[in-house]
Amino acid sequence: MSLITFWFIAIGVLWTGYLVLEGFDFGVGSVLPILGRGTDAEDGEKRRRVLLNTIGPLWDGNEVWLITAGGAMFAAFPLWYATMFSGFYLAFLLLLVVLILRNVGFDYRHKRDSAAWRRGWDRAIVVGSVAAPVLVGTALTNLVHGTPINADHNFTGSLLSLLNPVSLLGGVALYALSLTHGAHFIALKTDGPIRADARSLATKAGVGAAVLGTVLLVWLGVGYGGNVWSWITTGIAAVALLASIALNRKGTEGWAFVGTTVAIAMAVATDFFILFPNLMVSSTSAANNLTTANASSSHLTLQIMTGAAAAFTPIMLAYTAYNYWVFRKRLTVAHIPAAVAVH
C-alpha cells in the first residue's frame, strides 16, 4: 500500500472516529426537550443535568477528532483541503458558529440561577446538536455527488450548489443516526425512568434512521459508481443498525450502542469507498476531479506524517480509553445535587 492510499484511509478513519464519538454527543444534546421533561420544573432540570452529565467529561475530547481530520487533510492532501474548505466556506463557517454556541452552552448554562437563562443555553445546545451533523453529512455526501470545480481545481459554485437532494438526505440521515446513537448512549449511561425513556426513543429513531440510511446508501451506490467494497459496507451498516434496534428492545444497551457505532462507521466507509481514488468529484468535468494522485503532498511529507502518527496515535487512543473507563458508571437524578449558581 502506498503512503498516499494509507493517508486517504487514515483520513477516513479520523472522520469515522469523529462521527462515531461526537455522533452520540449530538444525539444527547438534541434530545434535551424530549428526555429532559420531568414531572415538575425541578425534576425536569435534574433530568436535563443528568443528560448533559453523561457527555460532560467526553464532548471536548471527541471534538479533537474533527481538528485532527482537518489537520491530516491539510498536511496529506493540501489541494483537497484548500478546495473543500474554500468551496464549503459558508457551510463550515455556520458549522463553526453552531459548535461554538453549543459548547458555550455546556459551560454557561449553570452560571446563573435562572430558569430563563438555562432555557436559552439549552436551545443553543439543541440547535447546535441538530445543525452540526446535518451540515457535516451534507458536506461529506457532496464529495461523492460532485461540486462545480474548474480546471484550476477552484470551486466555482455557491452555497446553493451544495443544497441538492442526495446531499441534504445525507445530512438528515446522519442526524437520524446520531439521534439513535445518542439515545443508546443515554440508555447505557443512565438508570431509572430516563433509561426507559431513552430506550423507547431509540427504537423510534432507529426505524427512521434505518429507512433514511438505506435510501441514502443505495442511492449513492446506484447513482455514483458503487463498487463491491461499498456494497459490502452498505450491507453491514444496514444489518448493524437493524440489530441495534432489536438489541435495544431486549435491554442490552451496550450491544445496541455497538450496533449504531458499526452502522455509522460503515456508512462513512461506504462514502469513502465510492469516492476513491477521487477526493472531490467535479460536476463540471471529470478531468477536473481532485484525486489522491494530483492533490497529495510530497513523499517526504507523508513519511514524516506517518512517523508522527505512529508515535502519538497510541498515546491519544490510550488517554481516550482511560477517560471513558473512568466515567463509565451510570447516572440517575439521585446523583444530581441542588443547583448552585456560580457568580
C-alpha atoms as a PDB file:
ATOM      1  CA  MET A   1       0.000   0.000   0.000  1.00  0.00           C
ATOM      2  CA  SER A   2       1.367   3.439  -0.940  1.00  0.00           C
ATOM      3  CA  LEU A   3       1.550   6.237   1.612  1.00  0.00           C
ATOM      4  CA  ILE A   4      -0.978   8.190  -0.469  1.00  0.00           C
ATOM      5  CA  THR A   5      -3.543   5.411  -0.128  1.00  0.00           C
ATOM      6  CA  PHE A   6      -2.647   4.938   3.530  1.00  0.00           C
ATOM      7  CA  TRP A   7      -3.392   8.576   4.308  1.00  0.00           C
ATOM      8  CA  PHE A   8      -6.649   8.515   2.383  1.00  0.00           C
ATOM      9  CA  ILE A   9      -7.711   5.607   4.584  1.00  0.00           C
ATOM     10  CA  ALA A  10      -6.369   7.338   7.713  1.00  0.00           C
ATOM     11  CA  ILE A  11      -8.432  10.462   6.994  1.00  0.00           C
ATOM     12  CA  GLY A  12     -11.495   8.261   6.501  1.00  0.00           C
ATOM     13  CA  VAL A  13     -10.790   6.662   9.884  1.00  0.00           C
ATOM     14  CA  LEU A  14     -10.458  10.083  11.532  1.00  0.00           C
ATOM     15  CA  TRP A  15     -13.799  11.233  10.104  1.00  0.00           C
ATOM     16  CA  THR A  16     -15.286   7.950  11.293  1.00  0.00           C
ATOM     17  CA  GLY A  17     -13.918   8.481  14.800  1.00  0.00           C
ATOM     18  CA  TYR A  18     -15.354  11.982  14.873  1.00  0.00           C
ATOM     19  CA  LEU A  19     -18.816  10.965  13.694  1.00  0.00           C
ATOM     20  CA  VAL A  20     -18.985   7.927  15.983  1.00  0.00           C
ATOM     21  CA  LEU A  21     -17.830   9.750  19.126  1.00  0.00           C
ATOM     22  CA  GLU A  22     -19.265  13.194  18.512  1.00  0.00           C
ATOM     23  CA  GLY A  23     -22.316  11.497  16.999  1.00  0.00           C
ATOM     24  CA  PHE A  24     -23.663  10.381  20.355  1.00  0.00           C
ATOM     25  CA  ASP A  25     -22.828  13.848  21.744  1.00  0.00           C
ATOM     26  CA  PHE A  26     -25.047  15.351  19.065  1.00  0.00           C
ATOM     27  CA  GLY A  27     -27.756  12.822  19.832  1.00  0.00           C
ATOM     28  CA  VAL A  28     -27.696  13.552  23.564  1.00  0.00           C
ATOM     29  CA  GLY A  29     -27.770  17.320  23.054  1.00  0.00           C
ATOM     30  CA  SER A  30     -30.649  17.182  20.597  1.00  0.00           C
ATOM     31  CA  VAL A  31     -32.990  15.208  22.891  1.00  0.00           C
ATOM     32  CA  LEU A  32     -32.940  17.647  25.818  1.00  0.00           C
ATOM     33  CA  PRO A  33     -36.520  18.847  25.069  1.00  0.00           C
ATOM     34  CA  ILE A  34     -37.761  15.239  24.841  1.00  0.00           C
ATOM     35  CA  LEU A  35     -35.984  13.281  27.574  1.00  0.00           C
ATOM     36  CA  GLY A  36     -35.488  16.397  29.715  1.00  0.00           C
ATOM     37  CA  ARG A  37     -39.179  16.742  30.544  1.00  0.00           C
ATOM     38  CA  GLY A  38     -39.980  15.917  34.163  1.00  0.00           C
ATOM     39  CA  THR A  39     -42.982  15.774  36.460  1.00  0.00           C
ATOM     40  CA  ASP A  40     -42.269  19.359  37.554  1.00  0.00           C
ATOM     41  CA  ALA A  41     -39.723  22.103  36.915  1.00  0.00           C
ATOM     42  CA  GLU A  42     -37.204  20.745  39.442  1.00  0.00           C
ATOM     43  CA  ASP A  43     -37.424  17.180  38.149  1.00  0.00           C
ATOM     44  CA  GLY A  44     -37.078  18.396  34.559  1.00  0.00           C
ATOM     45  CA  GLU A  45     -33.949  20.374  35.389  1.00  0.00           C
ATOM     46  CA  LYS A  46     -32.420  17.352  37.140  1.00  0.00           C
ATOM     47  CA  ARG A  47     -33.171  15.159  34.136  1.00  0.00           C
ATOM     48  CA  ARG A  48     -31.507  17.654  31.797  1.00  0.00           C
ATOM     49  CA  ARG A  49     -28.476  17.806  34.051  1.00  0.00           C
ATOM     50  CA  VAL A  50     -28.238  14.011  34.018  1.00  0.00           C
ATOM     51  CA  LEU A  51     -28.344  14.029  30.219  1.00  0.00           C
ATOM     52  CA  LEU A  52     -25.636  16.673  29.956  1.00  0.00           C
ATOM     53  CA  ASN A  53     -23.506  14.984  32.607  1.00  0.00           C
ATOM     54  CA  THR A  54     -23.396  11.785  30.549  1.00  0.00           C
ATOM     55  CA  ILE A  55     -21.300  13.627  27.951  1.00  0.00           C
ATOM     56  CA  GLY A  56     -19.801  16.322  30.196  1.00  0.00           C
ATOM     57  CA  PRO A  57     -16.358  14.672  30.562  1.00  0.00           C
ATOM     58  CA  LEU A  58     -16.285  13.499  26.929  1.00  0.00           C
ATOM     59  CA  TRP A  59     -17.573  16.030  24.405  1.00  0.00           C
ATOM     60  CA  ASP A  60     -14.494  18.272  24.197  1.00  0.00           C
ATOM     61  CA  GLY A  61     -12.175  15.290  23.700  1.00  0.00           C
ATOM     62  CA  ASN A  62     -14.461  13.953  20.983  1.00  0.00           C
ATOM     63  CA  GLU A  63     -14.118  17.187  19.026  1.00  0.00           C
ATOM     64  CA  VAL A  64     -10.357  16.677  18.781  1.00  0.00           C
ATOM     65  CA  TRP A  65     -11.094  14.098  16.082  1.00  0.00           C
ATOM     66  CA  LEU A  66     -12.545  16.829  13.844  1.00  0.00           C
ATOM     67  CA  ILE A  67      -9.470  19.021  14.300  1.00  0.00           C
ATOM     68  CA  THR A  68      -7.186  16.069  13.620  1.00  0.00           C
ATOM     69  CA  ALA A  69      -9.124  15.099  10.478  1.00  0.00           C
ATOM     70  CA  GLY A  70      -8.859  18.648   9.146  1.00  0.00           C
ATOM     71  CA  GLY A  71      -5.167  18.812  10.003  1.00  0.00           C
ATOM     72  CA  ALA A  72      -4.461  15.496   8.286  1.00  0.00           C
ATOM     73  CA  MET A  73      -6.273  16.681   5.152  1.00  0.00           C
ATOM     74  CA  PHE A  74      -4.198  19.878   5.155  1.00  0.00           C
ATOM     75  CA  ALA A  75      -0.898  18.033   5.515  1.00  0.00           C
ATOM     76  CA  ALA A  76      -1.518  14.960   3.346  1.00  0.00           C
ATOM     77  CA  PHE A  77      -3.715  16.454   0.608  1.00  0.00           C
ATOM     78  CA  PRO A  78      -3.318  20.243   0.709  1.00  0.00           C
ATOM     79  CA  LEU A  79      -5.171  20.813  -2.553  1.00  0.00           C
ATOM     80  CA  TRP A  80      -8.142  18.815  -1.240  1.00  0.00           C
ATOM     81  CA  TYR A  81      -8.136  20.888   1.938  1.00  0.00           C
ATOM     82  CA  ALA A  82      -7.854  24.171   0.011  1.00  0.00           C
ATOM     83  CA  THR A  83     -10.644  23.400  -2.470  1.00  0.00           C
ATOM     84  CA  MET A  84     -13.029  21.866   0.040  1.00  0.00           C
ATOM     85  CA  PHE A  85     -12.617  24.413   2.806  1.00  0.00           C
ATOM     86  CA  SER A  86     -12.818  27.370   0.432  1.00  0.00           C
ATOM     87  CA  GLY A  87     -15.726  25.954  -1.557  1.00  0.00           C
ATOM     88  CA  PHE A  88     -17.652  24.922   1.556  1.00  0.00           C
ATOM     89  CA  TYR A  89     -16.611  28.093   3.385  1.00  0.00           C
ATOM     90  CA  LEU A  90     -20.085  29.360   4.321  1.00  0.00           C
ATOM     91  CA  ALA A  91     -21.266  25.909   5.356  1.00  0.00           C
ATOM     92  CA  PHE A  92     -18.177  25.358   7.522  1.00  0.00           C
ATOM     93  CA  LEU A  93     -18.494  28.855   8.996  1.00  0.00           C
ATOM     94  CA  LEU A  94     -22.055  28.018  10.011  1.00  0.00           C
ATOM     95  CA  LEU A  95     -20.801  24.723  11.446  1.00  0.00           C
ATOM     96  CA  LEU A  96     -18.183  26.577  13.481  1.00  0.00           C
ATOM     97  CA  VAL A  97     -20.772  29.038  14.813  1.00  0.00           C
ATOM     98  CA  VAL A  98     -23.252  26.363  15.919  1.00  0.00           C
ATOM     99  CA  LEU A  99     -20.484  24.290  17.528  1.00  0.00           C
ATOM    100  CA  ILE A 100     -19.213  27.311  19.455  1.00  0.00           C
ATOM    101  CA  LEU A 101     -22.710  28.225  20.685  1.00  0.00           C
ATOM    102  CA  ARG A 102     -23.346  24.607  21.645  1.00  0.00           C
ATOM    103  CA  ASN A 103     -20.089  24.307  23.546  1.00  0.00           C
ATOM    104  CA  VAL A 104     -20.556  27.616  25.325  1.00  0.00           C
ATOM    105  CA  GLY A 105     -23.992  26.354  26.344  1.00  0.00           C
ATOM    106  CA  PHE A 106     -22.435  23.343  28.082  1.00  0.00           C
ATOM    107  CA  ASP A 107     -20.204  25.618  30.165  1.00  0.00           C
ATOM    108  CA  TYR A 108     -22.511  28.573  30.782  1.00  0.00           C
ATOM    109  CA  ARG A 109     -25.997  27.167  31.421  1.00  0.00           C
ATOM    110  CA  HIS A 110     -25.209  26.710  35.127  1.00  0.00           C
ATOM    111  CA  LYS A 111     -23.584  30.124  35.658  1.00  0.00           C
ATOM    112  CA  ARG A 112     -26.798  31.813  36.792  1.00  0.00           C
ATOM    113  CA  ASP A 113     -29.653  30.531  38.936  1.00  0.00           C
ATOM    114  CA  SER A 114     -32.273  31.485  36.375  1.00  0.00           C
ATOM    115  CA  ALA A 115     -34.664  29.173  34.532  1.00  0.00           C
ATOM    116  CA  ALA A 116     -34.834  31.594  31.582  1.00  0.00           C
ATOM    117  CA  TRP A 117     -31.025  31.713  31.382  1.00  0.00           C
ATOM    118  CA  ARG A 118     -30.797  27.905  31.322  1.00  0.00           C
ATOM    119  CA  ARG A 119     -33.583  27.609  28.732  1.00  0.00           C
ATOM    120  CA  GLY A 120     -31.709  29.973  26.420  1.00  0.00           C
ATOM    121  CA  TRP A 121     -28.496  27.946  26.573  1.00  0.00           C
ATOM    122  CA  ASP A 122     -30.437  24.700  26.263  1.00  0.00           C
ATOM    123  CA  ARG A 123     -31.842  25.995  22.965  1.00  0.00           C
ATOM    124  CA  ALA A 124     -28.295  26.745  21.783  1.00  0.00           C
ATOM    125  CA  ILE A 125     -27.235  23.194  22.694  1.00  0.00           C
ATOM    126  CA  VAL A 126     -30.199  21.676  20.862  1.00  0.00           C
ATOM    127  CA  VAL A 127     -29.791  23.809  17.726  1.00  0.00           C
ATOM    128  CA  GLY A 128     -26.053  23.084  17.580  1.00  0.00           C
ATOM    129  CA  SER A 129     -26.585  19.370  18.160  1.00  0.00           C
ATOM    130  CA  VAL A 130     -29.087  19.146  15.289  1.00  0.00           C
ATOM    131  CA  ALA A 131     -27.419  21.523  12.823  1.00  0.00           C
ATOM    132  CA  ALA A 132     -23.860  20.156  13.141  1.00  0.00           C
ATOM    133  CA  PRO A 133     -24.496  16.572  11.921  1.00  0.00           C
ATOM    134  CA  VAL A 134     -26.791  17.863   9.162  1.00  0.00           C
ATOM    135  CA  LEU A 135     -24.028  20.184   7.896  1.00  0.00           C
ATOM    136  CA  VAL A 136     -21.280  17.558   8.144  1.00  0.00           C
ATOM    137  CA  GLY A 137     -23.426  14.902   6.481  1.00  0.00           C
ATOM    138  CA  THR A 138     -24.322  17.285   3.660  1.00  0.00           C
ATOM    139  CA  ALA A 139     -20.653  18.186   3.121  1.00  0.00           C
ATOM    140  CA  LEU A 140     -19.379  14.587   3.046  1.00  0.00           C
ATOM    141  CA  THR A 141     -22.144  13.491   0.687  1.00  0.00           C
ATOM    142  CA  ASN A 142     -21.319  16.371  -1.644  1.00  0.00           C
ATOM    143  CA  LEU A 143     -17.817  14.939  -2.089  1.00  0.00           C
ATOM    144  CA  VAL A 144     -19.387  11.983  -3.899  1.00  0.00           C
ATOM    145  CA  HIS A 145     -22.240  13.877  -5.551  1.00  0.00           C
ATOM    146  CA  GLY A 146     -19.888  16.402  -7.097  1.00  0.00           C
ATOM    147  CA  THR A 147     -19.488  20.163  -6.961  1.00  0.00           C
ATOM    148  CA  PRO A 148     -18.523  22.792  -9.576  1.00  0.00           C
ATOM    149  CA  ILE A 149     -14.702  22.691  -9.843  1.00  0.00           C
ATOM    150  CA  ASN A 150     -12.773  24.227 -12.730  1.00  0.00           C
ATOM    151  CA  ALA A 151      -9.527  23.144 -14.387  1.00  0.00           C
ATOM    152  CA  ASP A 152      -7.505  25.016 -11.752  1.00  0.00           C
ATOM    153  CA  HIS A 153      -9.265  22.977  -9.050  1.00  0.00           C
ATOM    154  CA  ASN A 154     -11.111  26.037  -7.755  1.00  0.00           C
ATOM    155  CA  PHE A 155     -14.692  25.780  -6.524  1.00  0.00           C
ATOM    156  CA  THR A 156     -16.900  27.886  -8.811  1.00  0.00           C
ATOM    157  CA  GLY A 157     -20.299  27.351  -7.220  1.00  0.00           C
ATOM    158  CA  SER A 158     -22.134  28.857  -4.264  1.00  0.00           C
ATOM    159  CA  LEU A 159     -23.809  27.679  -1.078  1.00  0.00           C
ATOM    160  CA  LEU A 160     -26.848  26.726  -3.162  1.00  0.00           C
ATOM    161  CA  SER A 161     -24.636  24.338  -5.153  1.00  0.00           C
ATOM    162  CA  LEU A 162     -24.347  22.215  -2.026  1.00  0.00           C
ATOM    163  CA  LEU A 163     -28.095  22.012  -1.436  1.00  0.00           C
ATOM    164  CA  ASN A 164     -29.077  19.101  -3.668  1.00  0.00           C
ATOM    165  CA  PRO A 165     -31.468  16.248  -2.780  1.00  0.00           C
ATOM    166  CA  VAL A 166     -28.922  13.477  -2.178  1.00  0.00           C
ATOM    167  CA  SER A 167     -26.618  15.648  -0.061  1.00  0.00           C
ATOM    168  CA  LEU A 168     -29.487  17.010   2.023  1.00  0.00           C
ATOM    169  CA  LEU A 169     -30.616  13.417   2.536  1.00  0.00           C
ATOM    170  CA  GLY A 170     -27.061  12.662   3.682  1.00  0.00           C
ATOM    171  CA  GLY A 171     -27.314  15.409   6.293  1.00  0.00           C
ATOM    172  CA  VAL A 172     -30.704  14.292   7.586  1.00  0.00           C
ATOM    173  CA  ALA A 173     -29.669  10.623   7.616  1.00  0.00           C
ATOM    174  CA  LEU A 174     -26.538  11.406   9.634  1.00  0.00           C
ATOM    175  CA  TYR A 175     -28.614  13.326  12.161  1.00  0.00           C
ATOM    176  CA  ALA A 176     -31.075  10.421  12.453  1.00  0.00           C
ATOM    177  CA  LEU A 177     -28.162   8.038  13.042  1.00  0.00           C
ATOM    178  CA  SER A 178     -26.699  10.417  15.637  1.00  0.00           C
ATOM    179  CA  LEU A 179     -30.060  10.679  17.401  1.00  0.00           C
ATOM    180  CA  THR A 180     -30.349   6.897  17.618  1.00  0.00           C
ATOM    181  CA  HIS A 181     -26.701   6.582  18.673  1.00  0.00           C
ATOM    182  CA  GLY A 182     -27.196   9.215  21.371  1.00  0.00           C
ATOM    183  CA  ALA A 183     -30.361   7.570  22.710  1.00  0.00           C
ATOM    184  CA  HIS A 184     -28.480   4.274  23.011  1.00  0.00           C
ATOM    185  CA  PHE A 185     -25.676   6.063  24.844  1.00  0.00           C
ATOM    186  CA  ILE A 186     -28.135   7.649  27.287  1.00  0.00           C
ATOM    187  CA  ALA A 187     -29.722   4.253  27.966  1.00  0.00           C
ATOM    188  CA  LEU A 188     -26.236   2.823  28.528  1.00  0.00           C
ATOM    189  CA  LYS A 189     -25.155   5.633  30.873  1.00  0.00           C
ATOM    190  CA  THR A 190     -28.301   6.169  32.978  1.00  0.00           C
ATOM    191  CA  ASP A 191     -30.781   4.236  35.074  1.00  0.00           C
ATOM    192  CA  GLY A 192     -34.376   4.628  36.120  1.00  0.00           C
ATOM    193  CA  PRO A 193     -37.030   6.490  34.122  1.00  0.00           C
ATOM    194  CA  ILE A 194     -34.517   8.259  31.868  1.00  0.00           C
ATOM    195  CA  ARG A 195     -33.077   4.911  30.803  1.00  0.00           C
ATOM    196  CA  ALA A 196     -36.521   3.549  29.950  1.00  0.00           C
ATOM    197  CA  ASP A 197     -37.476   6.693  28.044  1.00  0.00           C
ATOM    198  CA  ALA A 198     -34.178   6.636  26.110  1.00  0.00           C
ATOM    199  CA  ARG A 199     -34.737   3.025  25.054  1.00  0.00           C
ATOM    200  CA  SER A 200     -38.215   3.880  23.785  1.00  0.00           C
ATOM    201  CA  LEU A 201     -36.905   6.876  21.852  1.00  0.00           C
ATOM    202  CA  ALA A 202     -34.015   4.846  20.419  1.00  0.00           C
ATOM    203  CA  THR A 203     -36.419   2.312  18.913  1.00  0.00           C
ATOM    204  CA  LYS A 204     -38.478   5.008  17.182  1.00  0.00           C
ATOM    205  CA  ALA A 205     -35.438   6.943  15.991  1.00  0.00           C
ATOM    206  CA  GLY A 206     -33.730   3.750  14.854  1.00  0.00           C
ATOM    207  CA  VAL A 207     -36.571   2.870  12.499  1.00  0.00           C
ATOM    208  CA  GLY A 208     -36.372   6.325  10.900  1.00  0.00           C
ATOM    209  CA  ALA A 209     -32.581   6.138  10.672  1.00  0.00           C
ATOM    210  CA  ALA A 210     -32.784   2.692   9.048  1.00  0.00           C
ATOM    211  CA  VAL A 211     -35.123   3.968   6.340  1.00  0.00           C
ATOM    212  CA  LEU A 212     -33.165   7.159   5.649  1.00  0.00           C
ATOM    213  CA  GLY A 213     -29.773   5.460   5.804  1.00  0.00           C
ATOM    214  CA  THR A 214     -30.768   2.628   3.495  1.00  0.00           C
ATOM    215  CA  VAL A 215     -32.221   5.004   0.912  1.00  0.00           C
ATOM    216  CA  LEU A 216     -29.081   7.176   1.064  1.00  0.00           C
ATOM    217  CA  LEU A 217     -26.526   4.360   0.743  1.00  0.00           C
ATOM    218  CA  VAL A 218     -28.437   2.611  -2.047  1.00  0.00           C
ATOM    219  CA  TRP A 219     -28.824   5.948  -3.857  1.00  0.00           C
ATOM    220  CA  LEU A 220     -25.076   6.572  -3.593  1.00  0.00           C
ATOM    221  CA  GLY A 221     -24.233   3.048  -4.695  1.00  0.00           C
ATOM    222  CA  VAL A 222     -26.552   3.033  -7.701  1.00  0.00           C
ATOM    223  CA  GLY A 223     -26.127   6.624  -8.801  1.00  0.00           C
ATOM    224  CA  TYR A 224     -22.472   7.346  -8.083  1.00  0.00           C
ATOM    225  CA  GLY A 225     -20.450   4.286  -9.022  1.00  0.00           C
ATOM    226  CA  GLY A 226     -20.752   1.880  -6.144  1.00  0.00           C
ATOM    227  CA  ASN A 227     -18.263  -0.993  -6.081  1.00  0.00           C
ATOM    228  CA  VAL A 228     -18.044  -4.344  -4.372  1.00  0.00           C
ATOM    229  CA  TRP A 229     -16.497  -2.832  -1.229  1.00  0.00           C
ATOM    230  CA  SER A 230     -19.108  -0.086  -0.929  1.00  0.00           C
ATOM    231  CA  TRP A 231     -21.932  -2.607  -1.285  1.00  0.00           C
ATOM    232  CA  ILE A 232     -20.371  -4.795   1.412  1.00  0.00           C
ATOM    233  CA  THR A 233     -20.145  -1.857   3.836  1.00  0.00           C
ATOM    234  CA  THR A 234     -23.693  -0.822   2.904  1.00  0.00           C
ATOM    235  CA  GLY A 235     -24.931  -4.288   3.817  1.00  0.00           C
ATOM    236  CA  ILE A 236     -23.007  -4.332   7.092  1.00  0.00           C
ATOM    237  CA  ALA A 237     -24.355  -0.872   8.010  1.00  0.00           C
ATOM    238  CA  ALA A 238     -27.946  -1.969   7.391  1.00  0.00           C
ATOM    239  CA  VAL A 239     -27.578  -5.207   9.362  1.00  0.00           C
ATOM    240  CA  ALA A 240     -25.812  -3.448  12.257  1.00  0.00           C
ATOM    241  CA  LEU A 241     -28.491  -0.765  12.529  1.00  0.00           C
ATOM    242  CA  LEU A 242     -31.360  -3.263  12.449  1.00  0.00           C
ATOM    243  CA  ALA A 243     -29.546  -5.415  15.020  1.00  0.00           C
ATOM    244  CA  SER A 244     -29.095  -2.385  17.267  1.00  0.00           C
ATOM    245  CA  ILE A 245     -32.859  -1.780  17.229  1.00  0.00           C
ATOM    246  CA  ALA A 246     -33.545  -5.400  18.207  1.00  0.00           C
ATOM    247  CA  LEU A 247     -30.846  -5.405  20.893  1.00  0.00           C
ATOM    248  CA  ASN A 248     -32.161  -2.157  22.350  1.00  0.00           C
ATOM    249  CA  ARG A 249     -35.652  -3.655  22.668  1.00  0.00           C
ATOM    250  CA  LYS A 250     -34.119  -6.568  24.604  1.00  0.00           C
ATOM    251  CA  GLY A 251     -32.452  -4.142  27.030  1.00  0.00           C
ATOM    252  CA  THR A 252     -28.853  -4.830  26.012  1.00  0.00           C
ATOM    253  CA  GLU A 253     -27.908  -1.178  25.572  1.00  0.00           C
ATOM    254  CA  GLY A 254     -24.193  -1.848  25.312  1.00  0.00           C
ATOM    255  CA  TRP A 255     -24.563  -4.059  22.255  1.00  0.00           C
ATOM    256  CA  ALA A 256     -27.157  -1.690  20.796  1.00  0.00           C
ATOM    257  CA  PHE A 257     -24.585   1.099  21.089  1.00  0.00           C
ATOM    258  CA  VAL A 258     -22.021  -1.114  19.359  1.00  0.00           C
ATOM    259  CA  GLY A 259     -24.559  -1.650  16.585  1.00  0.00           C
ATOM    260  CA  THR A 260     -25.002   2.056  15.857  1.00  0.00           C
ATOM    261  CA  THR A 261     -21.234   2.514  16.140  1.00  0.00           C
ATOM    262  CA  VAL A 262     -20.726  -0.053  13.389  1.00  0.00           C
ATOM    263  CA  ALA A 263     -23.567   1.435  11.318  1.00  0.00           C
ATOM    264  CA  ILE A 264     -22.043   4.932  11.374  1.00  0.00           C
ATOM    265  CA  ALA A 265     -18.543   3.583  10.674  1.00  0.00           C
ATOM    266  CA  MET A 266     -19.765   1.541   7.699  1.00  0.00           C
ATOM    267  CA  ALA A 267     -21.798   4.465   6.346  1.00  0.00           C
ATOM    268  CA  VAL A 268     -18.656   6.632   6.314  1.00  0.00           C
ATOM    269  CA  ALA A 269     -16.681   3.761   4.782  1.00  0.00           C
ATOM    270  CA  THR A 270     -19.278   3.476   2.012  1.00  0.00           C
ATOM    271  CA  ASP A 271     -18.877   7.169   1.223  1.00  0.00           C
ATOM    272  CA  PHE A 272     -15.081   6.865   1.042  1.00  0.00           C
ATOM    273  CA  PHE A 273     -15.128   3.603  -0.958  1.00  0.00           C
ATOM    274  CA  ILE A 274     -17.344   5.206  -3.603  1.00  0.00           C
ATOM    275  CA  LEU A 275     -15.186   8.338  -3.591  1.00  0.00           C
ATOM    276  CA  PHE A 276     -11.771   6.615  -4.027  1.00  0.00           C
ATOM    277  CA  PRO A 277      -9.486   7.370  -5.846  1.00  0.00           C
ATOM    278  CA  ASN A 278     -11.162  10.773  -6.082  1.00  0.00           C
ATOM    279  CA  LEU A 279     -11.098  13.268  -3.248  1.00  0.00           C
ATOM    280  CA  MET A 280     -13.652  15.664  -4.730  1.00  0.00           C
ATOM    281  CA  VAL A 281     -15.733  14.998  -7.822  1.00  0.00           C
ATOM    282  CA  SER A 282     -16.166  17.872 -10.261  1.00  0.00           C
ATOM    283  CA  SER A 283     -19.679  18.268 -11.655  1.00  0.00           C
ATOM    284  CA  THR A 284     -18.186  20.453 -14.403  1.00  0.00           C
ATOM    285  CA  SER A 285     -15.865  17.853 -15.932  1.00  0.00           C
ATOM    286  CA  ALA A 286     -14.374  14.570 -14.759  1.00  0.00           C
ATOM    287  CA  ALA A 287     -10.992  15.897 -15.898  1.00  0.00           C
ATOM    288  CA  ASN A 288     -11.189  18.443 -13.073  1.00  0.00           C
ATOM    289  CA  ASN A 289     -11.639  15.856 -10.319  1.00  0.00           C
ATOM    290  CA  LEU A 290      -9.332  16.102  -7.342  1.00  0.00           C
ATOM    291  CA  THR A 291      -7.693  12.710  -6.893  1.00  0.00           C
ATOM    292  CA  THR A 292      -5.306  11.112  -4.438  1.00  0.00           C
ATOM    293  CA  ALA A 293      -2.621  11.374  -7.134  1.00  0.00           C
ATOM    294  CA  ASN A 294      -2.949  15.030  -8.139  1.00  0.00           C
ATOM    295  CA  ALA A 295      -3.707  16.512  -4.710  1.00  0.00           C
ATOM    296  CA  SER A 296      -1.236  14.789  -2.380  1.00  0.00           C
ATOM    297  CA  SER A 297       1.790  16.161  -0.587  1.00  0.00           C
ATOM    298  CA  SER A 298       5.340  15.037  -1.348  1.00  0.00           C
ATOM    299  CA  HIS A 299       6.509  11.569  -0.389  1.00  0.00           C
ATOM    300  CA  LEU A 300       8.813  13.056   2.279  1.00  0.00           C
ATOM    301  CA  THR A 301       5.916  14.927   3.882  1.00  0.00           C
ATOM    302  CA  LEU A 302       3.845  11.755   4.023  1.00  0.00           C
ATOM    303  CA  GLN A 303       6.781   9.867   5.549  1.00  0.00           C
ATOM    304  CA  ILE A 304       7.168  12.472   8.302  1.00  0.00           C
ATOM    305  CA  MET A 305       3.413  12.422   8.973  1.00  0.00           C
ATOM    306  CA  THR A 306       3.431   8.628   9.200  1.00  0.00           C
ATOM    307  CA  GLY A 307       6.238   8.677  11.746  1.00  0.00           C
ATOM    308  CA  ALA A 308       4.462  11.294  13.872  1.00  0.00           C
ATOM    309  CA  ALA A 309       1.195   9.373  13.690  1.00  0.00           C
ATOM    310  CA  ALA A 310       2.901   6.142  14.728  1.00  0.00           C
ATOM    311  CA  ALA A 311       4.371   7.878  17.777  1.00  0.00           C
ATOM    312  CA  PHE A 312       1.364   9.841  19.025  1.00  0.00           C
ATOM    313  CA  THR A 313      -1.709   7.834  17.982  1.00  0.00           C
ATOM    314  CA  PRO A 314      -1.262   5.134  20.670  1.00  0.00           C
ATOM    315  CA  ILE A 315      -0.962   7.861  23.332  1.00  0.00           C
ATOM    316  CA  MET A 316      -4.151   9.564  22.134  1.00  0.00           C
ATOM    317  CA  LEU A 317      -6.084   6.299  21.991  1.00  0.00           C
ATOM    318  CA  ALA A 318      -4.863   5.220  25.437  1.00  0.00           C
ATOM    319  CA  TYR A 319      -5.880   8.533  27.006  1.00  0.00           C
ATOM    320  CA  THR A 320      -9.287   8.416  25.310  1.00  0.00           C
ATOM    321  CA  ALA A 321      -9.910   4.855  26.505  1.00  0.00           C
ATOM    322  CA  TYR A 322      -8.860   5.801  30.043  1.00  0.00           C
ATOM    323  CA  ASN A 323     -11.223   8.774  30.048  1.00  0.00           C
ATOM    324  CA  TYR A 324     -14.167   6.617  29.008  1.00  0.00           C
ATOM    325  CA  TRP A 325     -13.243   3.987  31.602  1.00  0.00           C
ATOM    326  CA  VAL A 326     -13.092   6.493  34.467  1.00  0.00           C
ATOM    327  CA  PHE A 327     -16.527   7.911  33.634  1.00  0.00           C
ATOM    328  CA  ARG A 328     -18.207   4.583  32.863  1.00  0.00           C
ATOM    329  CA  LYS A 329     -20.782   4.428  35.674  1.00  0.00           C
ATOM    330  CA  ARG A 330     -24.495   5.046  35.238  1.00  0.00           C
ATOM    331  CA  LEU A 331     -26.161   8.258  36.407  1.00  0.00           C
ATOM    332  CA  THR A 332     -29.609   8.977  37.837  1.00  0.00           C
ATOM    333  CA  VAL A 333     -31.391  12.085  39.105  1.00  0.00           C
ATOM    334  CA  ALA A 334     -30.413  10.938  42.625  1.00  0.00           C
ATOM    335  CA  HIS A 335     -26.812  11.851  41.777  1.00  0.00           C
ATOM    336  CA  ILE A 336     -27.743  15.445  40.972  1.00  0.00           C
ATOM    337  CA  PRO A 337     -27.355  17.921  43.881  1.00  0.00           C
ATOM    338  CA  ALA A 338     -29.349  21.112  44.166  1.00  0.00           C
ATOM    339  CA  ALA A 339     -28.331  23.732  41.636  1.00  0.00           C
ATOM    340  CA  VAL A 340     -25.772  26.230  42.849  1.00  0.00           C
ATOM    341  CA  ALA A 341     -25.276  29.380  40.782  1.00  0.00           C
ATOM    342  CA  VAL A 342     -21.698  30.425  40.044  1.00  0.00           C
ATOM    343  CA  HIS A 343     -21.135  34.202  40.211  1.00  0.00           C
END
